[in-house]
Amino acid sequence: MNTLWFKAKRYGWGWYPCSWEGWAVLFIAIGGMTSNTIFVDNHSHSGSDTIIGSIVTNGSIIILLIALCYAKGEKPRWRWGGK
């Protein structure tokens, strides 16, 4: 049985979690980005160093999250509120 982890939004383009697996993936991604930013901030000298140092890792996490949403969710398309 192939269950969806993410459903397509009713308006616009994107997904939202609709199962416990989807919520777990979302919380892991948020936790990973938060811990990465805190780690980089503790080892940098200024705010710009923190931003520059965390862009690559946080961007990679976001790309992986979008790929997982695409693989385990409804196919994306622009929606205007219909079914």
PDB file of N, CA and C in Angstrom:
ATOM      1  N   MET A   1       0.842  -1.181   0.000  1.00  0.00           N
ATOM      2  CA  MET A   1       0.000   0.000   0.000  1.00  0.00           C
ATOM      3  C   MET A   1       0.890   1.248   0.000  1.00  0.00           C
ATOM      4  N   ASN A   2       0.654   2.115  -0.939  1.00  0.00           N
ATOM      5  CA  ASN A   2       1.466   3.322  -1.089  1.00  0.00           C
ATOM      6  C   ASN A   2       0.686   4.525  -0.558  1.00  0.00           C
ATOM      7  N   THR A   3       0.938   4.912   0.676  1.00  0.00           N
ATOM      8  CA  THR A   3       0.222   6.047   1.265  1.00  0.00           C
ATOM      9  C   THR A   3       1.004   7.331   1.035  1.00  0.00           C
ATOM     10  N   LEU A   4       0.277   8.426   0.936  1.00  0.00           N
ATOM     11  CA  LEU A   4       0.890   9.733   0.752  1.00  0.00           C
ATOM     12  C   LEU A   4       1.401  10.273   2.077  1.00  0.00           C
ATOM     13  N   TRP A   5       2.577  10.846   2.047  1.00  0.00           N
ATOM     14  CA  TRP A   5       3.119  11.525   3.215  1.00  0.00           C
ATOM     15  C   TRP A   5       2.777  13.000   3.183  1.00  0.00           C
ATOM     16  N   PHE A   6       2.607  13.546   1.966  1.00  0.00           N
ATOM     17  CA  PHE A   6       2.339  14.970   1.783  1.00  0.00           C
ATOM     18  C   PHE A   6       1.201  15.139   0.779  1.00  0.00           C
ATOM     19  N   LYS A   7       0.286  16.042   1.094  1.00  0.00           N
ATOM     20  CA  LYS A   7      -0.801  16.379   0.172  1.00  0.00           C
ATOM     21  C   LYS A   7      -0.513  17.726  -0.461  1.00  0.00           C
ATOM     22  N   ALA A   8      -1.041  17.919  -1.650  1.00  0.00           N
ATOM     23  CA  ALA A   8      -0.871  19.194  -2.335  1.00  0.00           C
ATOM     24  C   ALA A   8      -1.745  20.252  -1.663  1.00  0.00           C
ATOM     25  N   LYS A   9      -1.231  21.473  -1.616  1.00  0.00           N
ATOM     26  CA  LYS A   9      -2.002  22.572  -1.053  1.00  0.00           C
ATOM     27  C   LYS A   9      -3.210  22.854  -1.928  1.00  0.00           C
ATOM     28  N   ARG A  10      -4.254  23.382  -1.326  1.00  0.00           N
ATOM     29  CA  ARG A  10      -5.461  23.699  -2.081  1.00  0.00           C
ATOM     30  C   ARG A  10      -5.271  24.941  -2.952  1.00  0.00           C
ATOM     31  N   TYR A  11      -4.537  25.911  -2.459  1.00  0.00           N
ATOM     32  CA  TYR A  11      -4.259  27.137  -3.213  1.00  0.00           C
ATOM     33  C   TYR A  11      -2.759  27.254  -3.434  1.00  0.00           C
ATOM     34  N   GLY A  12      -2.347  27.552  -4.636  1.00  0.00           N
ATOM     35  CA  GLY A  12      -0.936  27.744  -4.918  1.00  0.00           C
ATOM     36  C   GLY A  12      -0.227  26.449  -5.247  1.00  0.00           C
ATOM     37  N   TRP A  13       1.088  26.427  -4.968  1.00  0.00           N
ATOM     38  CA  TRP A  13       1.934  25.294  -5.292  1.00  0.00           C
ATOM     39  C   TRP A  13       2.668  24.878  -4.032  1.00  0.00           C
ATOM     40  N   GLY A  14       2.661  23.611  -3.709  1.00  0.00           N
ATOM     41  CA  GLY A  14       3.392  23.125  -2.546  1.00  0.00           C
ATOM     42  C   GLY A  14       2.660  21.988  -1.862  1.00  0.00           C
ATOM     43  N   TRP A  15       3.184  21.582  -0.730  1.00  0.00           N
ATOM     44  CA  TRP A  15       2.646  20.455   0.010  1.00  0.00           C
ATOM     45  C   TRP A  15       2.483  20.792   1.484  1.00  0.00           C
ATOM     46  N   TYR A  16       1.739  19.919   2.165  1.00  0.00           N
ATOM     47  CA  TYR A  16       1.689  19.937   3.624  1.00  0.00           C
ATOM     48  C   TYR A  16       1.662  18.483   4.099  1.00  0.00           C
ATOM     49  N   PRO A  17       2.204  18.207   5.298  1.00  0.00           N
ATOM     50  CA  PRO A  17       2.243  16.823   5.773  1.00  0.00           C
ATOM     51  C   PRO A  17       0.842  16.312   6.091  1.00  0.00           C
ATOM     52  N   CYS A  18       0.568  15.057   5.711  1.00  0.00           N
ATOM     53  CA  CYS A  18      -0.747  14.474   5.982  1.00  0.00           C
ATOM     54  C   CYS A  18      -0.648  13.122   6.690  1.00  0.00           C
ATOM     55  N   SER A  19       0.546  12.727   7.092  1.00  0.00           N
ATOM     56  CA  SER A  19       0.726  11.477   7.832  1.00  0.00           C
ATOM     57  C   SER A  19       1.841  11.681   8.858  1.00  0.00           C
ATOM     58  N   TRP A  20       1.989  10.713   9.743  1.00  0.00           N
ATOM     59  CA  TRP A  20       3.019  10.860  10.766  1.00  0.00           C
ATOM     60  C   TRP A  20       4.411  10.859  10.144  1.00  0.00           C
ATOM     61  N   GLU A  21       4.583  10.138   9.031  1.00  0.00           N
ATOM     62  CA  GLU A  21       5.886  10.135   8.367  1.00  0.00           C
ATOM     63  C   GLU A  21       6.221  11.515   7.800  1.00  0.00           C
ATOM     64  N   GLY A  22       5.224  12.168   7.225  1.00  0.00           N
ATOM     65  CA  GLY A  22       5.432  13.516   6.698  1.00  0.00           C
ATOM     66  C   GLY A  22       5.787  14.507   7.789  1.00  0.00           C
ATOM     67  N   TRP A  23       5.056  14.411   8.917  1.00  0.00           N
ATOM     68  CA  TRP A  23       5.368  15.306  10.040  1.00  0.00           C
ATOM     69  C   TRP A  23       6.758  15.027  10.597  1.00  0.00           C
ATOM     70  N   ALA A  24       7.142  13.741  10.673  1.00  0.00           N
ATOM     71  CA  ALA A  24       8.475  13.400  11.183  1.00  0.00           C
ATOM     72  C   ALA A  24       9.564  13.970  10.277  1.00  0.00           C
ATOM     73  N   VAL A  25       9.395  13.844   8.969  1.00  0.00           N
ATOM     74  CA  VAL A  25      10.373  14.381   8.022  1.00  0.00           C
ATOM     75  C   VAL A  25      10.471  15.899   8.177  1.00  0.00           C
ATOM     76  N   LEU A  26       9.324  16.565   8.297  1.00  0.00           N
ATOM     77  CA  LEU A  26       9.328  18.019   8.444  1.00  0.00           C
ATOM     78  C   LEU A  26      10.040  18.445   9.729  1.00  0.00           C
ATOM     79  N   PHE A  27       9.748  17.778  10.858  1.00  0.00           N
ATOM     80  CA  PHE A  27      10.397  18.141  12.121  1.00  0.00           C
ATOM     81  C   PHE A  27      11.895  17.841  12.098  1.00  0.00           C
ATOM     82  N   ILE A  28      12.289  16.755  11.440  1.00  0.00           N
ATOM     83  CA  ILE A  28      13.716  16.440  11.318  1.00  0.00           C
ATOM     84  C   ILE A  28      14.423  17.506  10.483  1.00  0.00           C
ATOM     85  N   ALA A  29      13.788  17.946   9.401  1.00  0.00           N
ATOM     86  CA  ALA A  29      14.384  18.997   8.558  1.00  0.00           C
ATOM     87  C   ALA A  29      14.508  20.309   9.337  1.00  0.00           C
ATOM     88  N   ILE A  30      13.478  20.690  10.063  1.00  0.00           N
ATOM     89  CA  ILE A  30      13.532  21.923  10.852  1.00  0.00           C
ATOM     90  C   ILE A  30      14.594  21.805  11.941  1.00  0.00           C
ATOM     91  N   GLY A  31      14.653  20.654  12.602  1.00  0.00           N
ATOM     92  CA  GLY A  31      15.672  20.440  13.632  1.00  0.00           C
ATOM     93  C   GLY A  31      17.080  20.465  13.067  1.00  0.00           C
ATOM     94  N   GLY A  32      17.257  19.879  11.887  1.00  0.00           N
ATOM     95  CA  GLY A  32      18.572  19.885  11.250  1.00  0.00           C
ATOM     96  C   GLY A  32      19.018  21.287  10.876  1.00  0.00           C
ATOM     97  N   MET A  33      18.107  22.081  10.325  1.00  0.00           N
ATOM     98  CA  MET A  33      18.462  23.455   9.962  1.00  0.00           C
ATOM     99  C   MET A  33      18.735  24.307  11.189  1.00  0.00           C
ATOM    100  N   THR A  34      17.943  24.103  12.252  1.00  0.00           N
ATOM    101  CA  THR A  34      18.154  24.863  13.485  1.00  0.00           C
ATOM    102  C   THR A  34      19.487  24.510  14.134  1.00  0.00           C
ATOM    103  N   SER A  35      19.774  23.212  14.260  1.00  0.00           N
ATOM    104  CA  SER A  35      21.028  22.810  14.896  1.00  0.00           C
ATOM    105  C   SER A  35      22.233  23.222  14.057  1.00  0.00           C
ATOM    106  N   ASN A  36      22.113  23.173  12.737  1.00  0.00           N
ATOM    107  CA  ASN A  36      23.202  23.613  11.878  1.00  0.00           C
ATOM    108  C   ASN A  36      23.461  25.104  12.064  1.00  0.00           C
ATOM    109  N   THR A  37      22.418  25.893  12.094  1.00  0.00           N
ATOM    110  CA  THR A  37      22.586  27.336  12.263  1.00  0.00           C
ATOM    111  C   THR A  37      23.187  27.670  13.625  1.00  0.00           C
ATOM    112  N   ILE A  38      22.761  26.987  14.670  1.00  0.00           N
ATOM    113  CA  ILE A  38      23.330  27.214  16.005  1.00  0.00           C
ATOM    114  C   ILE A  38      24.803  26.818  16.028  1.00  0.00           C
ATOM    115  N   PHE A  39      25.139  25.670  15.425  1.00  0.00           N
ATOM    116  CA  PHE A  39      26.532  25.222  15.383  1.00  0.00           C
ATOM    117  C   PHE A  39      27.409  26.231  14.643  1.00  0.00           C
ATOM    118  N   VAL A  40      26.945  26.693  13.475  1.00  0.00           N
ATOM    119  CA  VAL A  40      27.721  27.652  12.689  1.00  0.00           C
ATOM    120  C   VAL A  40      27.844  28.969  13.447  1.00  0.00           C
ATOM    121  N   ASP A  41      26.777  29.381  14.131  1.00  0.00           N
ATOM    122  CA  ASP A  41      26.800  30.637  14.875  1.00  0.00           C
ATOM    123  C   ASP A  41      27.801  30.585  16.021  1.00  0.00           C
ATOM    124  N   ASN A  42      27.917  29.443  16.674  1.00  0.00           N
ATOM    125  CA  ASN A  42      28.867  29.309  17.785  1.00  0.00           C
ATOM    126  C   ASN A  42      30.317  29.323  17.320  1.00  0.00           C
ATOM    127  N   HIS A  43      30.557  29.045  16.043  1.00  0.00           N
ATOM    128  CA  HIS A  43      31.917  28.994  15.516  1.00  0.00           C
ATOM    129  C   HIS A  43      32.232  30.130  14.536  1.00  0.00           C
ATOM    130  N   SER A  44      31.388  31.139  14.487  1.00  0.00           N
ATOM    131  CA  SER A  44      31.637  32.252  13.570  1.00  0.00           C
ATOM    132  C   SER A  44      31.876  33.536  14.359  1.00  0.00           C
ATOM    133  N   HIS A  45      32.355  34.562  13.649  1.00  0.00           N
ATOM    134  CA  HIS A  45      32.723  35.813  14.297  1.00  0.00           C
ATOM    135  C   HIS A  45      31.715  36.925  14.086  1.00  0.00           C
ATOM    136  N   SER A  46      30.825  36.772  13.127  1.00  0.00           N
ATOM    137  CA  SER A  46      29.841  37.822  12.883  1.00  0.00           C
ATOM    138  C   SER A  46      28.562  37.205  12.321  1.00  0.00           C
ATOM    139  N   GLY A  47      27.542  38.026  12.232  1.00  0.00           N
ATOM    140  CA  GLY A  47      26.276  37.559  11.690  1.00  0.00           C
ATOM    141  C   GLY A  47      26.376  37.145  10.239  1.00  0.00           C
ATOM    142  N   SER A  48      27.172  37.883   9.480  1.00  0.00           N
ATOM    143  CA  SER A  48      27.317  37.524   8.060  1.00  0.00           C
ATOM    144  C   SER A  48      28.044  36.194   7.901  1.00  0.00           C
ATOM    145  N   ASP A  49      28.996  35.887   8.806  1.00  0.00           N
ATOM    146  CA  ASP A  49      29.656  34.574   8.764  1.00  0.00           C
ATOM    147  C   ASP A  49      28.655  33.455   9.040  1.00  0.00           C
ATOM    148  N   THR A  50      27.724  33.701   9.949  1.00  0.00           N
ATOM    149  CA  THR A  50      26.705  32.699  10.261  1.00  0.00           C
ATOM    150  C   THR A  50      25.815  32.445   9.055  1.00  0.00           C
ATOM    151  N   ILE A  51      25.378  33.501   8.415  1.00  0.00           N
ATOM    152  CA  ILE A  51      24.489  33.347   7.259  1.00  0.00           C
ATOM    153  C   ILE A  51      25.205  32.630   6.122  1.00  0.00           C
ATOM    154  N   ILE A  52      26.406  33.074   5.807  1.00  0.00           N
ATOM    155  CA  ILE A  52      27.159  32.469   4.708  1.00  0.00           C
ATOM    156  C   ILE A  52      27.503  31.011   5.023  1.00  0.00           C
ATOM    157  N   GLY A  53      27.863  30.751   6.273  1.00  0.00           N
ATOM    158  CA  GLY A  53      28.242  29.391   6.648  1.00  0.00           C
ATOM    159  C   GLY A  53      27.094  28.404   6.679  1.00  0.00           C
ATOM    160  N   SER A  54      25.877  28.878   6.884  1.00  0.00           N
ATOM    161  CA  SER A  54      24.746  27.955   6.984  1.00  0.00           C
ATOM    162  C   SER A  54      23.948  27.833   5.693  1.00  0.00           C
ATOM    163  N   ILE A  55      24.230  28.657   4.704  1.00  0.00           N
ATOM    164  CA  ILE A  55      23.450  28.637   3.462  1.00  0.00           C
ATOM    165  C   ILE A  55      23.570  27.295   2.744  1.00  0.00           C
ATOM    166  N   VAL A  56      24.755  26.758   2.614  1.00  0.00           N
ATOM    167  CA  VAL A  56      24.949  25.532   1.837  1.00  0.00           C
ATOM    168  C   VAL A  56      24.245  24.344   2.500  1.00  0.00           C
ATOM    169  N   THR A  57      24.457  24.166   3.789  1.00  0.00           N
ATOM    170  CA  THR A  57      23.855  23.018   4.470  1.00  0.00           C
ATOM    171  C   THR A  57      22.342  23.157   4.554  1.00  0.00           C
ATOM    172  N   ASN A  58      21.850  24.328   4.936  1.00  0.00           N
ATOM    173  CA  ASN A  58      20.404  24.517   5.024  1.00  0.00           C
ATOM    174  C   ASN A  58      19.751  24.432   3.649  1.00  0.00           C
ATOM    175  N   GLY A  59      20.409  24.940   2.625  1.00  0.00           N
ATOM    176  CA  GLY A  59      19.890  24.808   1.265  1.00  0.00           C
ATOM    177  C   GLY A  59      19.815  23.353   0.831  1.00  0.00           C
ATOM    178  N   SER A  60      20.813  22.568   1.216  1.00  0.00           N
ATOM    179  CA  SER A  60      20.807  21.136   0.886  1.00  0.00           C
ATOM    180  C   SER A  60      19.658  20.417   1.584  1.00  0.00           C
ATOM    181  N   ILE A  61      19.402  20.768   2.829  1.00  0.00           N
ATOM    182  CA  ILE A  61      18.289  20.164   3.563  1.00  0.00           C
ATOM    183  C   ILE A  61      16.963  20.519   2.895  1.00  0.00           C
ATOM    184  N   ILE A  62      16.809  21.760   2.466  1.00  0.00           N
ATOM    185  CA  ILE A  62      15.581  22.184   1.797  1.00  0.00           C
ATOM    186  C   ILE A  62      15.402  21.450   0.473  1.00  0.00           C
ATOM    187  N   ILE A  63      16.476  21.287  -0.289  1.00  0.00           N
ATOM    188  CA  ILE A  63      16.392  20.562  -1.557  1.00  0.00           C
ATOM    189  C   ILE A  63      16.003  19.099  -1.315  1.00  0.00           C
ATOM    190  N   LEU A  64      16.568  18.473  -0.299  1.00  0.00           N
ATOM    191  CA  LEU A  64      16.198  17.094   0.036  1.00  0.00           C
ATOM    192  C   LEU A  64      14.737  17.001   0.474  1.00  0.00           C
ATOM    193  N   LEU A  65      14.274  17.988   1.230  1.00  0.00           N
ATOM    194  CA  LEU A  65      12.877  17.996   1.667  1.00  0.00           C
ATOM    195  C   LEU A  65      11.938  18.133   0.476  1.00  0.00           C
ATOM    196  N   ILE A  66      12.247  19.015  -0.458  1.00  0.00           N
ATOM    197  CA  ILE A  66      11.412  19.171  -1.651  1.00  0.00           C
ATOM    198  C   ILE A  66      11.418  17.891  -2.484  1.00  0.00           C
ATOM    199  N   ALA A  67      12.577  17.248  -2.621  1.00  0.00           N
ATOM    200  CA  ALA A  67      12.659  15.991  -3.374  1.00  0.00           C
ATOM    201  C   ALA A  67      11.824  14.901  -2.710  1.00  0.00           C
ATOM    202  N   LEU A  68      11.856  14.832  -1.388  1.00  0.00           N
ATOM    203  CA  LEU A  68      11.060  13.838  -0.675  1.00  0.00           C
ATOM    204  C   LEU A  68       9.572  14.136  -0.790  1.00  0.00           C
ATOM    205  N   CYS A  69       9.203  15.406  -0.724  1.00  0.00           N
ATOM    206  CA  CYS A  69       7.796  15.783  -0.918  1.00  0.00           C
ATOM    207  C   CYS A  69       7.330  15.385  -2.312  1.00  0.00           C
ATOM    208  N   TYR A  70       8.165  15.587  -3.298  1.00  0.00           N
ATOM    209  CA  TYR A  70       7.814  15.228  -4.672  1.00  0.00           C
ATOM    210  C   TYR A  70       7.668  13.710  -4.817  1.00  0.00           C
ATOM    211  N   ALA A  71       8.546  12.957  -4.151  1.00  0.00           N
ATOM    212  CA  ALA A  71       8.527  11.499  -4.272  1.00  0.00           C
ATOM    213  C   ALA A  71       7.385  10.864  -3.477  1.00  0.00           C
ATOM    214  N   LYS A  72       7.067  11.395  -2.322  1.00  0.00           N
ATOM    215  CA  LYS A  72       6.086  10.779  -1.433  1.00  0.00           C
ATOM    216  C   LYS A  72       4.780  11.552  -1.328  1.00  0.00           C
ATOM    217  N   GLY A  73       4.590  12.545  -2.184  1.00  0.00           N
ATOM    218  CA  GLY A  73       3.367  13.333  -2.118  1.00  0.00           C
ATOM    219  C   GLY A  73       2.648  13.377  -3.451  1.00  0.00           C
ATOM    220  N   GLU A  74       1.536  14.102  -3.451  1.00  0.00           N
ATOM    221  CA  GLU A  74       0.803  14.308  -4.692  1.00  0.00           C
ATOM    222  C   GLU A  74       1.667  15.113  -5.657  1.00  0.00           C
ATOM    223  N   LYS A  75       1.435  14.922  -6.920  1.00  0.00           N
ATOM    224  CA  LYS A  75       2.223  15.652  -7.911  1.00  0.00           C
ATOM    225  C   LYS A  75       1.875  17.130  -7.865  1.00  0.00           C
ATOM    226  N   PRO A  76       2.877  18.007  -7.884  1.00  0.00           N
ATOM    227  CA  PRO A  76       2.607  19.433  -7.738  1.00  0.00           C
ATOM    228  C   PRO A  76       2.075  20.059  -9.022  1.00  0.00           C
ATOM    229  N   ARG A  77       1.202  21.005  -8.855  1.00  0.00           N
ATOM    230  CA  ARG A  77       0.718  21.861  -9.927  1.00  0.00           C
ATOM    231  C   ARG A  77       0.068  23.061  -9.271  1.00  0.00           C
ATOM    232  N   TRP A  78      -0.067  24.116 -10.020  1.00  0.00           N
ATOM    233  CA  TRP A  78      -0.698  25.311  -9.471  1.00  0.00           C
ATOM    234  C   TRP A  78      -2.181  25.021  -9.287  1.00  0.00           C
ATOM    235  N   ARG A  79      -2.693  25.331  -8.095  1.00  0.00           N
ATOM    236  CA  ARG A  79      -4.098  25.062  -7.791  1.00  0.00           C
ATOM    237  C   ARG A  79      -4.789  26.357  -7.428  1.00  0.00           C
ATOM    238  N   TRP A  80      -6.061  26.452  -7.820  1.00  0.00           N
ATOM    239  CA  TRP A  80      -6.855  27.647  -7.572  1.00  0.00           C
ATOM    240  C   TRP A  80      -7.972  27.399  -6.559  1.00  0.00           C
ATOM    241  N   GLY A  81      -7.889  26.335  -5.791  1.00  0.00           N
ATOM    242  CA  GLY A  81      -8.891  26.085  -4.763  1.00  0.00           C
ATOM    243  C   GLY A  81      -9.865  24.989  -5.089  1.00  0.00           C
ATOM    244  N   GLY A  82      -9.800  24.423  -6.260  1.00  0.00           N
ATOM    245  CA  GLY A  82     -10.685  23.307  -6.620  1.00  0.00           C
ATOM    246  C   GLY A  82     -10.090  21.990  -6.148  1.00  0.00           C
ATOM    247  N   LYS A  83     -10.793  20.928  -6.436  1.00  0.00           N
ATOM    248  CA  LYS A  83     -10.275  19.618  -6.039  1.00  0.00           C
ATOM    249  C   LYS A  83      -9.361  19.059  -7.030  1.00  0.00           C
TER     250      LYS A  83
END
